[in-house]
Every structure is written in structure tokens, then in C-alpha cells.
């Protein structure tokens, strides 16, 4: 199975939180450690990955809300 990275985060907890949001919508994802944390106690940098067919749905779910005028 192939995976694509849709977001990188400075801390693993943020990637885990985003993964939980995708899980709530039945979108398979995984978190990959990509380096040491910037600050002590924040964990490591991480990448959030999804399957190619779920890419656009995941990006829409994780995108900021647009403000209405």
C-alpha cells in the first residue's frame, strides 16, 4: 500500500491529534517520525500520511474554515 504525506508538524502530539480527526471520518492514516523535536518535551517532528485515494478528502477535513462575509 502506498502513502503520501499531507502535512508535517513540529511535534508528534499535533500529528496524533490530526490522525484522530481523520480516524473519526474512517480515513486510514499513519504518523511517521521525521526528526527530533525543536523544544524539550515536545516530542519529535512528524509527518501525517494518508492513502492516495483519500488525499483530497483528508486535506479538506484538515483545512481551516473559511470565514463568511
Protein backbone atom coordinates (compact mmCIF):
# COMPACT_ATOMS: atom_id res chain seq x y z
CA UNK A 1 0.00 0.00 0.00
CA UNK A 2 1.38 3.43 -0.86
CA UNK A 3 1.10 6.51 1.34
CA UNK A 4 1.52 10.24 0.71
CA UNK A 5 2.41 12.95 3.18
CA UNK A 6 -0.26 15.62 3.54
CA UNK A 7 1.17 17.52 6.49
CA UNK A 8 4.29 17.79 8.62
CA UNK A 9 4.17 19.01 12.20
CA UNK A 10 6.80 20.27 14.65
CA UNK A 11 5.54 17.88 17.34
CA UNK A 12 4.17 14.36 17.38
CA UNK A 13 1.15 15.24 19.53
CA UNK A 14 -0.16 17.54 16.79
CA UNK A 15 0.15 14.80 14.16
CA UNK A 16 -1.57 12.35 16.53
CA UNK A 17 -4.43 14.83 17.02
CA UNK A 18 -4.86 15.27 13.26
CA UNK A 19 -4.80 11.49 12.85
CA UNK A 20 -7.66 11.19 15.36
CA UNK A 21 -9.74 13.65 13.31
CA UNK A 22 -9.19 11.55 10.19
CA UNK A 23 -9.96 8.36 12.10
CA UNK A 24 -13.33 9.83 13.11
CA UNK A 25 -14.14 10.02 9.39
CA UNK A 26 -12.86 6.48 8.67
CA UNK A 27 -9.82 7.70 6.75
CA UNK A 28 -6.80 5.44 7.30
CA UNK A 29 -3.65 7.37 8.18
CA UNK A 30 -0.30 6.95 9.84
CA UNK A 31 2.18 9.17 11.66
CA UNK A 32 5.87 8.91 10.80
CA UNK A 33 8.66 10.35 12.99
CA UNK A 34 10.89 12.58 10.84
CA UNK A 35 13.28 14.19 13.30
CA UNK A 36 13.98 15.44 16.81
CA UNK A 37 11.72 17.98 18.49
CA UNK A 38 12.65 21.66 18.44
CA UNK A 39 11.96 22.21 22.13
CA UNK A 40 12.48 19.85 25.04
CA UNK A 41 9.37 17.93 25.97
CA UNK A 42 7.52 18.45 22.69
CA UNK A 43 8.35 15.10 21.20
CA UNK A 44 9.65 14.69 17.67
CA UNK A 45 8.74 16.20 14.34
CA UNK A 46 6.22 14.07 12.49
CA UNK A 47 4.58 13.58 9.10
CA UNK A 48 0.93 12.65 8.65
CA UNK A 49 0.32 10.29 5.74
CA UNK A 50 -2.83 9.01 4.02
CA UNK A 51 -3.56 6.71 1.09
CA UNK A 52 -3.53 8.46 -2.31
CA UNK A 53 -7.27 7.93 -2.84
CA UNK A 54 -8.03 9.72 0.48
CA UNK A 55 -5.73 12.68 -0.16
CA UNK A 56 -8.26 15.35 -1.14
CA UNK A 57 -10.85 14.34 1.45
CA UNK A 58 -8.22 14.46 4.19
CA UNK A 59 -6.91 17.83 3.01
CA UNK A 60 -10.43 19.28 3.04
CA UNK A 61 -11.16 17.91 6.51
CA UNK A 62 -7.94 19.35 7.93
CA UNK A 63 -8.10 22.72 6.15
CA UNK A 64 -9.05 25.90 8.05
CA UNK A 65 -12.66 27.03 7.88
CA UNK A 66 -13.41 29.90 5.52
CA UNK A 67 -14.91 32.95 7.14
CA UNK A 68 -18.28 34.05 5.80
CA UNK A 69 -18.66 37.67 4.83
